[in-house]
Amino acid sequence: MCGRYVTITKVKEIEKRFGVTAEGINIESSANVSAGQLALVITNSEPNELSLFTFGFTPSWAQKKMYVINARSEGDHNKENDDRYSGAKGIISKPMFRTSIRSKRCLVVADAFIEGPKVEKLKKPYCVYMKDGQRPFAFAGIWDEWVDKSSGEIFKSFAIITAPANSVTKKLMHHRSPVILSQEDEALWLDSSADLGDITALLKPISGDCMNAYPISSEIRNPKNEGLHLLRPIGERVVPEYEYELFTSLNLEGMGAAPARQRRLFDD
């Protein structure tokens, strides 16, 4: 499951990274993106634009609004969450997702995500990030539009697709991992004419060698809590490294430090 994540990169940098424009987008950075909040996506219907959709998927046919945050790539298969699973991608036949996986896909912009053990969940949270400064990155997402029949208002929402655990999420004692797309595969994910087989081939966990994680405060359990202090390490990383690169860089950005100041701080 991936129920909380981080989007801290400035919109202008996101525009450059993904080659999109952000007309009318005005949103604060967040260390604690949660269900029900507006968040940044890039859809296959508008692949050159940054959009704001609600995190928490509601299919178009639903009688009432729903907030489904994740979609299992295996669908009803692999109920044991075997990380060696390589069988059918049952998402294509799930009534809730089968239309969107074919025609309504999106990139979900993120800098990191928050995960905890299967049992303790966010009572024991970790910040999971891509190594070597690979941020922002994109989760594989699906989206849909739902119309409130009483008001006529249109709600656009999305879910993040998950796959079995990789080596890092396994170390966190968690049974799932969000699907993170390589930069080379992002265009294919947004290609509305792509073969379904090529799309489902992307639904696999990214190698754990690409990421790391460290423990953070359980304050992040409360979706109302916000701020970079929520990402401060309170223990060692699950895979040893030299620096807490993610928190350091995010903290410097949050303080609005000039490049010269950043260099002095890193030197110190």
Protein backbone atom coordinates (compact mmCIF):
# COMPACT_ATOMS: atom_id res chain seq x y z
CA MET A 1 0.00 0.00 0.00
CA CYS A 2 1.10 3.58 -0.62
CA GLY A 3 -1.18 5.90 1.32
CA ARG A 4 1.10 8.87 1.99
CA TYR A 5 3.74 10.48 -0.14
CA VAL A 6 5.86 13.61 -0.54
CA THR A 7 5.71 16.31 -3.24
CA ILE A 8 8.12 19.10 -2.40
CA THR A 9 9.78 20.05 -5.71
CA LYS A 10 8.69 23.44 -6.98
CA VAL A 11 6.22 23.48 -9.86
CA LYS A 12 8.70 25.17 -12.20
CA GLU A 13 11.17 22.34 -11.67
CA ILE A 14 8.44 19.76 -12.23
CA GLU A 15 7.59 21.48 -15.52
CA LYS A 16 11.22 21.12 -16.64
CA ARG A 17 11.58 17.53 -15.46
CA PHE A 18 8.44 16.24 -17.20
CA GLY A 19 8.29 18.68 -20.12
CA VAL A 20 4.86 20.02 -19.18
CA THR A 21 3.20 23.36 -18.52
CA ALA A 22 1.35 24.27 -15.34
CA GLU A 23 -1.24 26.84 -16.33
CA GLY A 24 -3.22 27.99 -13.30
CA ILE A 25 -1.61 25.47 -10.94
CA ASN A 26 -1.22 26.91 -7.46
CA ILE A 27 -0.48 24.34 -4.78
CA GLU A 28 1.71 24.24 -1.69
CA SER A 29 4.44 21.62 -1.39
CA SER A 30 3.53 18.77 0.95
CA ALA A 31 5.47 16.30 3.08
CA ASN A 32 2.25 14.41 3.81
CA VAL A 33 0.03 14.02 0.74
CA SER A 34 -3.01 12.05 1.95
CA ALA A 35 -6.29 10.70 0.62
CA GLY A 36 -8.77 13.41 -0.25
CA GLN A 37 -6.12 16.03 -1.02
CA LEU A 38 -5.46 17.62 -4.39
CA ALA A 39 -2.17 16.45 -5.87
CA LEU A 40 -0.12 16.81 -9.07
CA VAL A 41 -0.63 14.41 -11.96
CA ILE A 42 0.03 14.25 -15.69
CA THR A 43 -2.70 12.43 -17.60
CA ASN A 44 -2.76 10.63 -20.94
CA SER A 45 -5.58 12.96 -22.06
CA GLU A 46 -3.41 16.05 -21.42
CA PRO A 47 0.18 14.70 -21.50
CA ASN A 48 1.72 18.15 -21.91
CA GLU A 49 0.00 19.69 -18.90
CA LEU A 50 0.31 19.41 -15.14
CA SER A 51 -3.07 18.85 -13.48
CA LEU A 52 -4.54 18.78 -9.98
CA PHE A 53 -6.64 15.70 -9.18
CA THR A 54 -7.91 14.29 -5.88
CA PHE A 55 -5.84 11.48 -4.34
CA GLY A 56 -8.39 8.70 -3.86
CA PHE A 57 -10.04 7.07 -6.88
CA THR A 58 -13.78 7.17 -7.61
CA PRO A 59 -14.91 5.30 -10.75
CA SER A 60 -17.36 7.10 -13.02
CA TRP A 61 -20.17 4.60 -12.31
CA ALA A 62 -20.02 4.87 -8.50
CA GLN A 63 -23.17 5.89 -6.65
CA LYS A 64 -21.17 7.98 -4.21
CA LYS A 65 -17.70 9.40 -3.90
CA MET A 66 -14.96 6.94 -2.94
CA TYR A 67 -11.31 7.36 -1.95
CA VAL A 68 -9.53 4.24 -3.21
CA ILE A 69 -5.86 5.14 -2.91
CA ASN A 70 -4.26 2.03 -4.45
CA ALA A 71 -4.95 -0.44 -7.25
CA ARG A 72 -3.30 -3.86 -7.09
CA SER A 73 -1.55 -4.71 -10.36
CA GLU A 74 -2.34 -8.41 -9.78
CA GLY A 75 -6.01 -7.74 -9.11
CA ASP A 76 -7.44 -10.72 -7.24
CA HIS A 77 -4.37 -12.84 -7.98
CA ASN A 78 -1.39 -13.25 -5.64
CA LYS A 79 -3.40 -12.88 -2.45
CA GLU A 80 -0.34 -14.13 -0.57
CA ASN A 81 1.63 -11.10 -1.83
CA ASP A 82 4.48 -13.34 -2.97
CA ASP A 83 7.26 -11.00 -4.10
CA ARG A 84 8.27 -13.59 -6.73
CA TYR A 85 4.87 -13.43 -8.43
CA SER A 86 5.09 -13.02 -12.20
CA GLY A 87 1.63 -14.11 -13.33
CA ALA A 88 -1.39 -12.38 -14.79
CA LYS A 89 -2.05 -8.70 -14.14
CA GLY A 90 -5.60 -9.02 -12.86
CA ILE A 91 -6.09 -5.26 -12.73
CA ILE A 92 -7.27 -5.44 -16.35
CA SER A 93 -10.36 -7.42 -15.34
CA LYS A 94 -11.24 -5.68 -12.05
CA PRO A 95 -14.55 -3.81 -12.60
CA MET A 96 -13.28 -0.78 -10.68
CA PHE A 97 -10.09 -0.37 -12.71
CA ARG A 98 -10.46 -2.19 -16.04
CA THR A 99 -11.56 0.90 -17.98
CA SER A 100 -8.97 3.24 -16.50
CA ILE A 101 -6.00 0.90 -16.96
CA ARG A 102 -6.86 0.84 -20.67
CA SER A 103 -7.71 4.48 -21.31
CA LYS A 104 -7.15 6.72 -18.27
CA ARG A 105 -3.59 6.49 -17.04
CA CYS A 106 -1.50 9.16 -15.32
CA LEU A 107 1.88 9.93 -13.84
CA VAL A 108 1.68 10.79 -10.14
CA VAL A 109 4.46 13.26 -9.31
CA ALA A 110 6.36 12.51 -6.09
CA ASP A 111 9.67 13.03 -4.31
CA ALA A 112 9.34 10.17 -1.81
CA PHE A 113 6.69 8.05 -0.13
CA ILE A 114 5.84 7.05 3.42
CA GLU A 115 5.47 3.42 4.42
CA GLY A 116 5.37 1.31 7.55
CA PRO A 117 5.32 -2.37 8.52
CA LYS A 118 2.22 -4.39 7.64
CA VAL A 119 1.25 -4.67 11.31
CA GLU A 120 2.32 -1.34 12.89
CA LYS A 121 1.63 0.67 9.72
CA LEU A 122 2.24 4.41 10.30
CA LYS A 123 2.83 3.88 14.00
CA LYS A 124 6.33 3.03 12.76
CA PRO A 125 6.75 5.05 9.54
CA TYR A 126 9.66 5.26 7.13
CA CYS A 127 10.45 7.80 4.44
CA VAL A 128 11.29 5.86 1.28
CA TYR A 129 13.25 7.73 -1.39
CA MET A 130 15.10 7.17 -4.64
CA LYS A 131 18.87 7.17 -4.37
CA ASP A 132 21.29 9.39 -6.30
CA GLY A 133 18.96 12.39 -6.19
CA GLN A 134 16.39 10.85 -8.55
CA ARG A 135 13.51 13.14 -7.76
CA PRO A 136 10.89 14.01 -8.62
CA PHE A 137 9.83 10.66 -10.02
CA ALA A 138 6.48 9.25 -11.18
CA PHE A 139 4.22 6.58 -9.74
CA ALA A 140 2.09 4.71 -12.25
CA GLY A 141 -1.45 5.94 -11.67
CA ILE A 142 -4.96 5.58 -13.06
CA TRP A 143 -7.69 8.21 -13.00
CA ASP A 144 -11.36 8.75 -13.67
CA GLU A 145 -14.10 11.40 -13.58
CA TRP A 146 -17.13 11.17 -11.32
CA VAL A 147 -20.16 13.47 -11.53
CA ASP A 148 -22.11 14.47 -8.43
CA LYS A 149 -25.69 14.02 -9.63
CA SER A 150 -27.05 16.43 -7.05
CA SER A 151 -24.80 19.34 -8.02
CA GLY A 152 -23.42 18.44 -11.45
CA GLU A 153 -19.89 18.98 -10.14
CA ILE A 154 -17.17 16.90 -11.78
CA PHE A 155 -14.53 15.26 -9.57
CA LYS A 156 -11.29 14.00 -11.11
CA SER A 157 -9.42 11.51 -8.96
CA PHE A 158 -6.59 8.98 -9.12
CA ALA A 159 -5.09 5.90 -7.49
CA ILE A 160 -1.49 4.67 -7.35
CA ILE A 161 -0.85 1.18 -8.72
CA THR A 162 0.99 -1.24 -6.44
CA ALA A 163 3.02 -4.39 -7.01
CA PRO A 164 4.67 -6.96 -4.71
CA ALA A 165 7.38 -5.77 -2.33
CA ASN A 166 10.94 -5.12 -3.45
CA SER A 167 14.03 -5.62 -1.29
CA VAL A 168 13.63 -2.27 0.53
CA THR A 169 9.91 -2.49 1.32
CA LYS A 170 10.54 -6.07 2.47
CA LYS A 171 13.10 -4.71 4.94
CA LEU A 172 10.33 -2.46 6.25
CA MET A 173 8.22 -5.61 6.78
CA HIS A 174 5.71 -4.34 4.24
CA HIS A 175 4.08 -6.60 1.66
CA ARG A 176 3.56 -4.12 -1.20
CA SER A 177 5.45 -1.54 -3.23
CA PRO A 178 4.12 1.31 -5.41
CA VAL A 179 4.92 1.00 -9.10
CA ILE A 180 7.56 3.63 -9.88
CA LEU A 181 8.15 4.15 -13.59
CA SER A 182 11.56 4.68 -15.10
CA GLN A 183 11.89 7.99 -16.92
CA GLU A 184 12.17 6.08 -20.20
CA ASP A 185 8.79 4.37 -19.62
CA GLU A 186 6.79 7.46 -18.69
CA ALA A 187 5.88 8.32 -22.29
CA LEU A 188 4.67 4.77 -22.93
CA TRP A 189 2.47 4.90 -19.83
CA LEU A 190 0.80 8.06 -21.17
CA ASP A 191 0.43 6.71 -24.72
CA SER A 192 -3.31 6.13 -25.18
CA SER A 193 -2.65 3.95 -28.23
CA ALA A 194 -0.15 1.65 -26.48
CA ASP A 195 -0.75 -2.08 -26.52
CA LEU A 196 -2.27 -3.32 -23.25
CA GLY A 197 0.40 -6.00 -22.99
CA ASP A 198 3.13 -3.34 -23.13
CA ILE A 199 1.33 -1.40 -20.40
CA THR A 200 0.90 -4.34 -18.02
CA ALA A 201 4.57 -5.27 -18.55
CA LEU A 202 5.44 -2.06 -16.67
CA LEU A 203 3.49 -3.12 -13.59
CA LYS A 204 6.33 -4.46 -11.49
CA PRO A 205 8.25 -3.23 -8.46
CA ILE A 206 11.29 -1.12 -9.17
CA SER A 207 14.57 -2.65 -8.03
CA GLY A 208 15.29 -2.06 -4.37
CA ASP A 209 18.83 -1.11 -5.39
CA CYS A 210 17.39 2.20 -6.61
CA MET A 211 15.96 3.27 -3.25
CA ASN A 212 16.49 3.50 0.48
CA ALA A 213 14.48 4.38 3.58
CA TYR A 214 14.88 5.76 7.09
CA PRO A 215 12.54 5.97 10.10
CA ILE A 216 10.62 9.15 10.82
CA SER A 217 8.27 10.39 13.53
CA SER A 218 4.80 8.86 13.83
CA GLU A 219 3.48 12.45 13.74
CA ILE A 220 2.97 11.82 10.04
CA ARG A 221 0.07 9.49 10.90
CA ASN A 222 -2.15 12.53 11.24
CA PRO A 223 -3.01 13.75 7.71
CA LYS A 224 -3.46 17.26 9.09
CA ASN A 225 0.20 17.45 10.12
CA GLU A 226 2.47 19.15 7.61
CA GLY A 227 6.04 20.43 7.32
CA LEU A 228 9.52 19.23 6.43
CA HIS A 229 10.22 18.37 10.08
CA LEU A 230 8.02 15.30 9.52
CA LEU A 231 10.75 13.91 7.24
CA ARG A 232 13.56 14.31 9.77
CA PRO A 233 15.41 11.01 10.36
CA ILE A 234 15.05 9.51 13.83
CA GLY A 235 17.23 6.47 13.15
CA GLU A 236 19.55 4.79 10.69
CA ARG A 237 18.68 3.94 7.11
CA VAL A 238 17.73 0.40 6.27
CA VAL A 239 20.66 0.29 3.81
CA PRO A 240 23.77 2.20 5.04
CA GLU A 241 24.75 5.36 3.14
CA TYR A 242 26.88 8.40 3.89
CA GLU A 243 24.30 11.19 4.10
CA TYR A 244 20.58 11.66 4.47
CA GLU A 245 20.52 13.29 1.06
CA LEU A 246 16.74 13.56 0.71
CA PHE A 247 16.02 15.31 4.00
CA THR A 248 19.04 17.59 3.68
CA SER A 249 18.12 18.80 0.19
CA LEU A 250 14.43 19.19 1.01
CA ASN A 251 15.25 21.11 4.17
CA LEU A 252 17.52 23.48 2.28
CA GLU A 253 14.86 24.08 -0.34
CA GLY A 254 12.30 24.68 2.35
CA MET A 255 14.51 27.36 3.92
CA GLY A 256 14.98 28.99 0.54
CA ALA A 257 18.73 28.79 0.88
CA ALA A 258 20.83 30.37 -1.83
CA PRO A 259 23.34 28.13 -3.67
CA ALA A 260 26.30 29.68 -1.83
CA ARG A 261 24.62 29.02 1.53
CA GLN A 262 23.81 25.46 0.48
CA ARG A 263 27.46 24.83 -0.38
CA ARG A 264 28.60 26.20 2.99
CA LEU A 265 26.10 24.03 4.85
CA PHE A 266 27.14 20.89 2.96
CA ASP A 267 30.81 21.73 3.57
CA ASP A 268 30.12 22.13 7.27
